[in-house]
Amino acid sequence: MIFEGGFTFSNFIADIFAIFIFILWFWLLITVTSDLFRRHDVSGFGKVLWVIFLIILPYIGIFAYLLTQGRGMAERNESRAKQAQEQLRHIVGYSVADEIEKLDKLKASGSITEQEYTRLRARVVQ
């Protein structure tokens, strides 16, 4: 219970730590469940098993999912970000030629170095 034994500094720190751990767990739960339900490579039955595992053993379930699926989560997030970036480029009218022209102007004005120009140009062309 909060403030059991009176209001002391140690109780305050312990309560703040408990609240922080709960918020962290809740954030991880949302991250894991959103990744789980966006996956197309896991069957509905597999998703149900993961959800049951997350409900029955919440901390162990989240840690198990992160340990077994962590690399895949990062790859899926990266591919979603690239896909969103490409969609935005098509909507806004992004052009690789326009970006290279901007980089040429920055290089000519001395705002960026040759190494930065090379790195940014390679990134734009990808």
N, C-alpha and C. Protein backbone atom coordinates (compact mmCIF):
# COMPACT_ATOMS: atom_id res chain seq x y z
N MET A 1 0.85 -1.17 0.00
CA MET A 1 0.00 0.00 0.00
C MET A 1 0.89 1.24 0.00
N ILE A 2 0.47 2.26 -0.67
CA ILE A 2 1.25 3.48 -0.74
C ILE A 2 1.30 4.14 0.63
N PHE A 3 2.49 4.56 1.01
CA PHE A 3 2.76 5.28 2.27
C PHE A 3 2.43 4.45 3.51
N GLU A 4 2.57 3.14 3.42
CA GLU A 4 2.38 2.30 4.59
C GLU A 4 3.53 2.56 5.55
N GLY A 5 3.24 2.79 6.78
CA GLY A 5 4.27 3.08 7.78
C GLY A 5 4.62 4.56 7.83
N GLY A 6 3.80 5.39 7.25
CA GLY A 6 4.06 6.83 7.27
C GLY A 6 4.80 7.29 6.04
N PHE A 7 4.87 8.59 5.91
CA PHE A 7 5.54 9.18 4.76
C PHE A 7 7.01 9.38 5.10
N THR A 8 7.84 8.53 4.51
CA THR A 8 9.28 8.66 4.68
C THR A 8 9.92 8.77 3.30
N PHE A 9 11.13 9.21 3.28
CA PHE A 9 11.82 9.34 2.01
C PHE A 9 12.02 7.99 1.33
N SER A 10 12.34 6.98 2.10
CA SER A 10 12.53 5.64 1.52
C SER A 10 11.23 5.09 0.94
N ASN A 11 10.10 5.32 1.62
CA ASN A 11 8.80 4.90 1.07
C ASN A 11 8.49 5.66 -0.21
N PHE A 12 8.83 6.94 -0.23
CA PHE A 12 8.60 7.76 -1.41
C PHE A 12 9.40 7.23 -2.60
N ILE A 13 10.68 6.95 -2.39
CA ILE A 13 11.53 6.42 -3.45
C ILE A 13 11.03 5.06 -3.92
N ALA A 14 10.64 4.20 -2.98
CA ALA A 14 10.13 2.88 -3.34
C ALA A 14 8.85 2.99 -4.15
N ASP A 15 7.96 3.91 -3.78
CA ASP A 15 6.73 4.10 -4.53
C ASP A 15 7.00 4.66 -5.93
N ILE A 16 7.90 5.59 -6.04
CA ILE A 16 8.27 6.15 -7.35
C ILE A 16 8.86 5.05 -8.22
N PHE A 17 9.72 4.21 -7.64
CA PHE A 17 10.31 3.11 -8.39
C PHE A 17 9.24 2.13 -8.85
N ALA A 18 8.28 1.81 -7.99
CA ALA A 18 7.20 0.89 -8.35
C ALA A 18 6.35 1.47 -9.48
N ILE A 19 6.07 2.75 -9.43
CA ILE A 19 5.29 3.39 -10.48
C ILE A 19 6.08 3.38 -11.79
N PHE A 20 7.39 3.66 -11.72
CA PHE A 20 8.23 3.64 -12.91
C PHE A 20 8.25 2.25 -13.54
N ILE A 21 8.40 1.21 -12.74
CA ILE A 21 8.42 -0.16 -13.25
C ILE A 21 7.08 -0.51 -13.89
N PHE A 22 5.98 -0.08 -13.28
CA PHE A 22 4.67 -0.35 -13.86
C PHE A 22 4.52 0.34 -15.22
N ILE A 23 4.91 1.61 -15.31
CA ILE A 23 4.81 2.34 -16.58
C ILE A 23 5.69 1.68 -17.63
N LEU A 24 6.91 1.27 -17.24
CA LEU A 24 7.80 0.58 -18.16
C LEU A 24 7.18 -0.72 -18.64
N TRP A 25 6.62 -1.51 -17.73
CA TRP A 25 5.98 -2.77 -18.11
C TRP A 25 4.80 -2.52 -19.05
N PHE A 26 3.99 -1.50 -18.75
CA PHE A 26 2.83 -1.20 -19.57
C PHE A 26 3.24 -0.79 -20.98
N TRP A 27 4.30 0.02 -21.08
CA TRP A 27 4.82 0.43 -22.38
C TRP A 27 5.33 -0.78 -23.17
N LEU A 28 6.05 -1.68 -22.50
CA LEU A 28 6.53 -2.89 -23.17
C LEU A 28 5.36 -3.78 -23.59
N LEU A 29 4.33 -3.86 -22.78
CA LEU A 29 3.16 -4.65 -23.12
C LEU A 29 2.50 -4.12 -24.40
N ILE A 30 2.35 -2.81 -24.50
CA ILE A 30 1.76 -2.21 -25.69
C ILE A 30 2.65 -2.46 -26.91
N THR A 31 3.96 -2.32 -26.74
CA THR A 31 4.90 -2.55 -27.84
C THR A 31 4.84 -4.00 -28.32
N VAL A 32 4.84 -4.92 -27.39
CA VAL A 32 4.83 -6.34 -27.74
C VAL A 32 3.51 -6.73 -28.40
N THR A 33 2.39 -6.29 -27.83
CA THR A 33 1.11 -6.67 -28.42
C THR A 33 0.91 -6.02 -29.79
N SER A 34 1.36 -4.78 -29.96
CA SER A 34 1.21 -4.16 -31.28
C SER A 34 2.06 -4.89 -32.31
N ASP A 35 3.27 -5.30 -31.93
CA ASP A 35 4.10 -6.07 -32.85
C ASP A 35 3.46 -7.42 -33.15
N LEU A 36 2.93 -8.05 -32.13
CA LEU A 36 2.33 -9.38 -32.29
C LEU A 36 1.15 -9.34 -33.25
N PHE A 37 0.27 -8.35 -33.11
CA PHE A 37 -0.92 -8.31 -33.95
C PHE A 37 -0.65 -7.76 -35.35
N ARG A 38 0.48 -7.14 -35.57
CA ARG A 38 0.85 -6.68 -36.92
C ARG A 38 1.56 -7.75 -37.73
N ARG A 39 1.97 -8.80 -37.09
CA ARG A 39 2.72 -9.85 -37.77
C ARG A 39 1.81 -10.67 -38.67
N HIS A 40 2.35 -11.02 -39.84
CA HIS A 40 1.62 -11.86 -40.77
C HIS A 40 2.17 -13.29 -40.80
N ASP A 41 3.31 -13.50 -40.16
CA ASP A 41 3.93 -14.82 -40.18
C ASP A 41 3.51 -15.69 -39.00
N VAL A 42 2.70 -15.16 -38.09
CA VAL A 42 2.22 -15.94 -36.95
C VAL A 42 0.74 -16.20 -37.15
N SER A 43 0.34 -17.45 -36.95
CA SER A 43 -1.07 -17.80 -37.12
C SER A 43 -1.91 -17.20 -35.99
N GLY A 44 -3.21 -17.25 -36.19
CA GLY A 44 -4.13 -16.77 -35.15
C GLY A 44 -3.98 -17.56 -33.87
N PHE A 45 -3.75 -18.87 -33.99
CA PHE A 45 -3.57 -19.72 -32.82
C PHE A 45 -2.30 -19.33 -32.06
N GLY A 46 -1.23 -19.05 -32.81
CA GLY A 46 0.01 -18.61 -32.17
C GLY A 46 -0.16 -17.29 -31.44
N LYS A 47 -0.93 -16.39 -32.03
CA LYS A 47 -1.19 -15.10 -31.37
C LYS A 47 -1.99 -15.30 -30.09
N VAL A 48 -2.97 -16.19 -30.15
CA VAL A 48 -3.77 -16.47 -28.96
C VAL A 48 -2.89 -17.04 -27.85
N LEU A 49 -1.98 -17.94 -28.20
CA LEU A 49 -1.08 -18.51 -27.18
C LEU A 49 -0.19 -17.44 -26.57
N TRP A 50 0.34 -16.53 -27.41
CA TRP A 50 1.17 -15.45 -26.88
C TRP A 50 0.35 -14.55 -25.95
N VAL A 51 -0.88 -14.22 -26.33
CA VAL A 51 -1.72 -13.36 -25.50
C VAL A 51 -2.02 -14.04 -24.16
N ILE A 52 -2.33 -15.31 -24.19
CA ILE A 52 -2.58 -16.05 -22.94
C ILE A 52 -1.32 -16.03 -22.08
N PHE A 53 -0.17 -16.25 -22.69
CA PHE A 53 1.09 -16.22 -21.96
C PHE A 53 1.34 -14.84 -21.36
N LEU A 54 1.02 -13.79 -22.11
CA LEU A 54 1.21 -12.42 -21.61
C LEU A 54 0.25 -12.09 -20.47
N ILE A 55 -0.94 -12.70 -20.48
CA ILE A 55 -1.91 -12.42 -19.42
C ILE A 55 -1.58 -13.22 -18.16
N ILE A 56 -1.25 -14.50 -18.33
CA ILE A 56 -0.99 -15.35 -17.16
C ILE A 56 0.33 -15.01 -16.48
N LEU A 57 1.38 -14.84 -17.27
CA LEU A 57 2.70 -14.49 -16.73
C LEU A 57 3.18 -13.20 -17.40
N PRO A 58 2.68 -12.05 -16.96
CA PRO A 58 2.93 -10.82 -17.71
C PRO A 58 4.40 -10.44 -17.86
N TYR A 59 5.16 -10.46 -16.80
CA TYR A 59 6.57 -10.05 -16.90
C TYR A 59 7.38 -11.09 -17.68
N ILE A 60 7.21 -12.35 -17.33
CA ILE A 60 7.95 -13.41 -18.02
C ILE A 60 7.54 -13.48 -19.48
N GLY A 61 6.24 -13.29 -19.76
CA GLY A 61 5.76 -13.31 -21.13
C GLY A 61 6.38 -12.22 -21.98
N ILE A 62 6.47 -11.03 -21.44
CA ILE A 62 7.07 -9.91 -22.20
C ILE A 62 8.55 -10.18 -22.42
N PHE A 63 9.25 -10.61 -21.38
CA PHE A 63 10.68 -10.88 -21.53
C PHE A 63 10.92 -12.03 -22.51
N ALA A 64 10.08 -13.05 -22.46
CA ALA A 64 10.23 -14.18 -23.39
C ALA A 64 10.01 -13.72 -24.83
N TYR A 65 8.99 -12.88 -25.05
CA TYR A 65 8.73 -12.38 -26.40
C TYR A 65 9.90 -11.53 -26.89
N LEU A 66 10.41 -10.66 -26.02
CA LEU A 66 11.53 -9.81 -26.41
C LEU A 66 12.78 -10.63 -26.71
N LEU A 67 13.02 -11.67 -25.92
CA LEU A 67 14.20 -12.51 -26.15
C LEU A 67 14.08 -13.34 -27.42
N THR A 68 12.88 -13.86 -27.68
CA THR A 68 12.74 -14.74 -28.84
C THR A 68 12.43 -13.98 -30.13
N GLN A 69 11.80 -12.83 -30.04
CA GLN A 69 11.36 -12.11 -31.23
C GLN A 69 11.98 -10.72 -31.36
N GLY A 70 12.93 -10.38 -30.52
CA GLY A 70 13.50 -9.03 -30.50
C GLY A 70 14.12 -8.60 -31.82
N ARG A 71 14.91 -9.48 -32.42
CA ARG A 71 15.56 -9.14 -33.69
C ARG A 71 14.51 -8.92 -34.78
N GLY A 72 13.51 -9.77 -34.81
CA GLY A 72 12.44 -9.62 -35.79
C GLY A 72 11.64 -8.35 -35.57
N MET A 73 11.44 -7.98 -34.29
CA MET A 73 10.73 -6.74 -34.00
C MET A 73 11.47 -5.54 -34.58
N ALA A 74 12.77 -5.52 -34.40
CA ALA A 74 13.57 -4.40 -34.91
C ALA A 74 13.52 -4.35 -36.44
N GLU A 75 13.61 -5.50 -37.08
CA GLU A 75 13.55 -5.54 -38.54
C GLU A 75 12.18 -5.11 -39.05
N ARG A 76 11.11 -5.55 -38.38
CA ARG A 76 9.78 -5.15 -38.81
C ARG A 76 9.55 -3.66 -38.60
N ASN A 77 10.05 -3.10 -37.49
CA ASN A 77 9.92 -1.67 -37.25
C ASN A 77 10.68 -0.87 -38.30
N GLU A 78 11.87 -1.33 -38.64
CA GLU A 78 12.67 -0.64 -39.65
C GLU A 78 11.98 -0.68 -41.01
N SER A 79 11.43 -1.83 -41.37
CA SER A 79 10.75 -1.92 -42.67
C SER A 79 9.49 -1.06 -42.69
N ARG A 80 8.76 -1.00 -41.56
CA ARG A 80 7.58 -0.12 -41.49
C ARG A 80 7.97 1.34 -41.62
N ALA A 81 9.08 1.72 -40.99
CA ALA A 81 9.54 3.11 -41.08
C ALA A 81 9.94 3.46 -42.50
N LYS A 82 10.64 2.55 -43.17
CA LYS A 82 11.03 2.80 -44.56
C LYS A 82 9.80 2.87 -45.46
N GLN A 83 8.84 2.02 -45.22
CA GLN A 83 7.62 2.03 -46.01
C GLN A 83 6.86 3.34 -45.81
N ALA A 84 6.78 3.81 -44.58
CA ALA A 84 6.11 5.08 -44.30
C ALA A 84 6.87 6.24 -44.95
N GLN A 85 8.19 6.18 -44.92
CA GLN A 85 9.00 7.22 -45.55
C GLN A 85 8.77 7.24 -47.06
N GLU A 86 8.71 6.08 -47.67
CA GLU A 86 8.45 6.01 -49.11
C GLU A 86 7.06 6.55 -49.45
N GLN A 87 6.07 6.22 -48.64
CA GLN A 87 4.73 6.73 -48.88
C GLN A 87 4.70 8.24 -48.76
N LEU A 88 5.41 8.77 -47.77
CA LEU A 88 5.48 10.22 -47.60
C LEU A 88 6.20 10.87 -48.77
N ARG A 89 7.24 10.24 -49.26
CA ARG A 89 7.96 10.78 -50.42
C ARG A 89 7.04 10.87 -51.63
N HIS A 90 6.20 9.86 -51.83
CA HIS A 90 5.29 9.87 -52.97
C HIS A 90 4.20 10.93 -52.80
N ILE A 91 3.74 11.12 -51.59
CA ILE A 91 2.69 12.11 -51.34
C ILE A 91 3.25 13.53 -51.49
N VAL A 92 4.40 13.78 -50.91
CA VAL A 92 5.00 15.12 -50.92
C VAL A 92 5.60 15.45 -52.27
N GLY A 93 5.99 14.47 -52.99
CA GLY A 93 6.60 14.70 -54.29
C GLY A 93 8.11 14.76 -54.20
N TYR A 94 8.67 13.96 -53.34
CA TYR A 94 10.12 13.88 -53.15
C TYR A 94 10.77 13.40 -54.43
N SER A 95 11.86 14.02 -54.76
CA SER A 95 12.62 13.61 -55.93
C SER A 95 14.09 13.47 -55.54
N VAL A 96 14.69 12.38 -55.94
CA VAL A 96 16.10 12.16 -55.64
C VAL A 96 16.95 13.23 -56.32
N ALA A 97 16.57 13.61 -57.51
CA ALA A 97 17.33 14.65 -58.24
C ALA A 97 17.28 15.98 -57.49
N ASP A 98 16.13 16.33 -56.92
CA ASP A 98 16.02 17.57 -56.15
C ASP A 98 16.94 17.53 -54.92
N GLU A 99 16.96 16.40 -54.26
CA GLU A 99 17.80 16.27 -53.07
C GLU A 99 19.28 16.35 -53.42
N ILE A 100 19.68 15.74 -54.52
CA ILE A 100 21.09 15.81 -54.95
C ILE A 100 21.45 17.24 -55.31
N GLU A 101 20.52 17.94 -55.93
CA GLU A 101 20.76 19.36 -56.27
C GLU A 101 20.94 20.19 -55.00
N LYS A 102 20.14 19.92 -53.98
CA LYS A 102 20.28 20.63 -52.70
C LYS A 102 21.63 20.32 -52.07
N LEU A 103 22.04 19.05 -52.14
CA LEU A 103 23.35 18.67 -51.59
C LEU A 103 24.48 19.36 -52.35
N ASP A 104 24.36 19.47 -53.67
CA ASP A 104 25.38 20.17 -54.47
C ASP A 104 25.50 21.63 -54.04
N LYS A 105 24.37 22.26 -53.79
CA LYS A 105 24.39 23.67 -53.35
C LYS A 105 25.04 23.80 -51.97
N LEU A 106 24.73 22.88 -51.07
CA LEU A 106 25.34 22.91 -49.74
C LEU A 106 26.85 22.70 -49.83
N LYS A 107 27.26 21.79 -50.68
CA LYS A 107 28.69 21.52 -50.85
C LYS A 107 29.38 22.74 -51.46
N ALA A 108 28.77 23.37 -52.46
CA ALA A 108 29.37 24.54 -53.11
C ALA A 108 29.47 25.73 -52.15
N SER A 109 28.50 25.85 -51.25
CA SER A 109 28.54 26.97 -50.30
C SER A 109 29.49 26.69 -49.14
N GLY A 110 29.95 25.46 -49.02
CA GLY A 110 30.88 25.11 -47.94
C GLY A 110 30.19 24.72 -46.65
N SER A 111 28.88 24.53 -46.69
CA SER A 111 28.13 24.15 -45.49
C SER A 111 28.42 22.72 -45.06
N ILE A 112 28.74 21.86 -46.04
CA ILE A 112 29.08 20.48 -45.71
C ILE A 112 30.40 20.13 -46.38
N THR A 113 31.08 19.16 -45.78
CA THR A 113 32.37 18.73 -46.31
C THR A 113 32.16 17.68 -47.39
N GLU A 114 33.25 17.31 -48.03
CA GLU A 114 33.20 16.29 -49.09
C GLU A 114 32.73 14.95 -48.53
N GLN A 115 33.21 14.61 -47.32
CA GLN A 115 32.82 13.33 -46.70
C GLN A 115 31.32 13.33 -46.38
N GLU A 116 30.83 14.45 -45.83
CA GLU A 116 29.40 14.54 -45.53
C GLU A 116 28.57 14.46 -46.81
N TYR A 117 29.06 15.14 -47.86
CA TYR A 117 28.36 15.11 -49.14
C TYR A 117 28.27 13.68 -49.67
N THR A 118 29.35 12.96 -49.62
CA THR A 118 29.38 11.58 -50.11
C THR A 118 28.43 10.70 -49.30
N ARG A 119 28.47 10.84 -47.99
CA ARG A 119 27.62 10.04 -47.13
C ARG A 119 26.13 10.36 -47.35
N LEU A 120 25.80 11.64 -47.41
CA LEU A 120 24.41 12.03 -47.61
C LEU A 120 23.90 11.66 -49.00
N ARG A 121 24.76 11.78 -49.99
CA ARG A 121 24.35 11.42 -51.36
C ARG A 121 24.06 9.93 -51.44
N ALA A 122 24.90 9.12 -50.81
CA ALA A 122 24.66 7.67 -50.82
C ALA A 122 23.35 7.33 -50.11
N ARG A 123 23.06 8.07 -49.06
CA ARG A 123 21.83 7.84 -48.31
C ARG A 123 20.60 8.22 -49.13
N VAL A 124 20.70 9.32 -49.89
CA VAL A 124 19.59 9.78 -50.72
C VAL A 124 19.32 8.81 -51.85
N VAL A 125 20.38 8.29 -52.44
CA VAL A 125 20.25 7.42 -53.60
C VAL A 125 19.63 6.07 -53.22
N GLN A 126 19.80 5.64 -51.99
CA GLN A 126 19.25 4.34 -51.55
C GLN A 126 17.81 4.28 -51.75
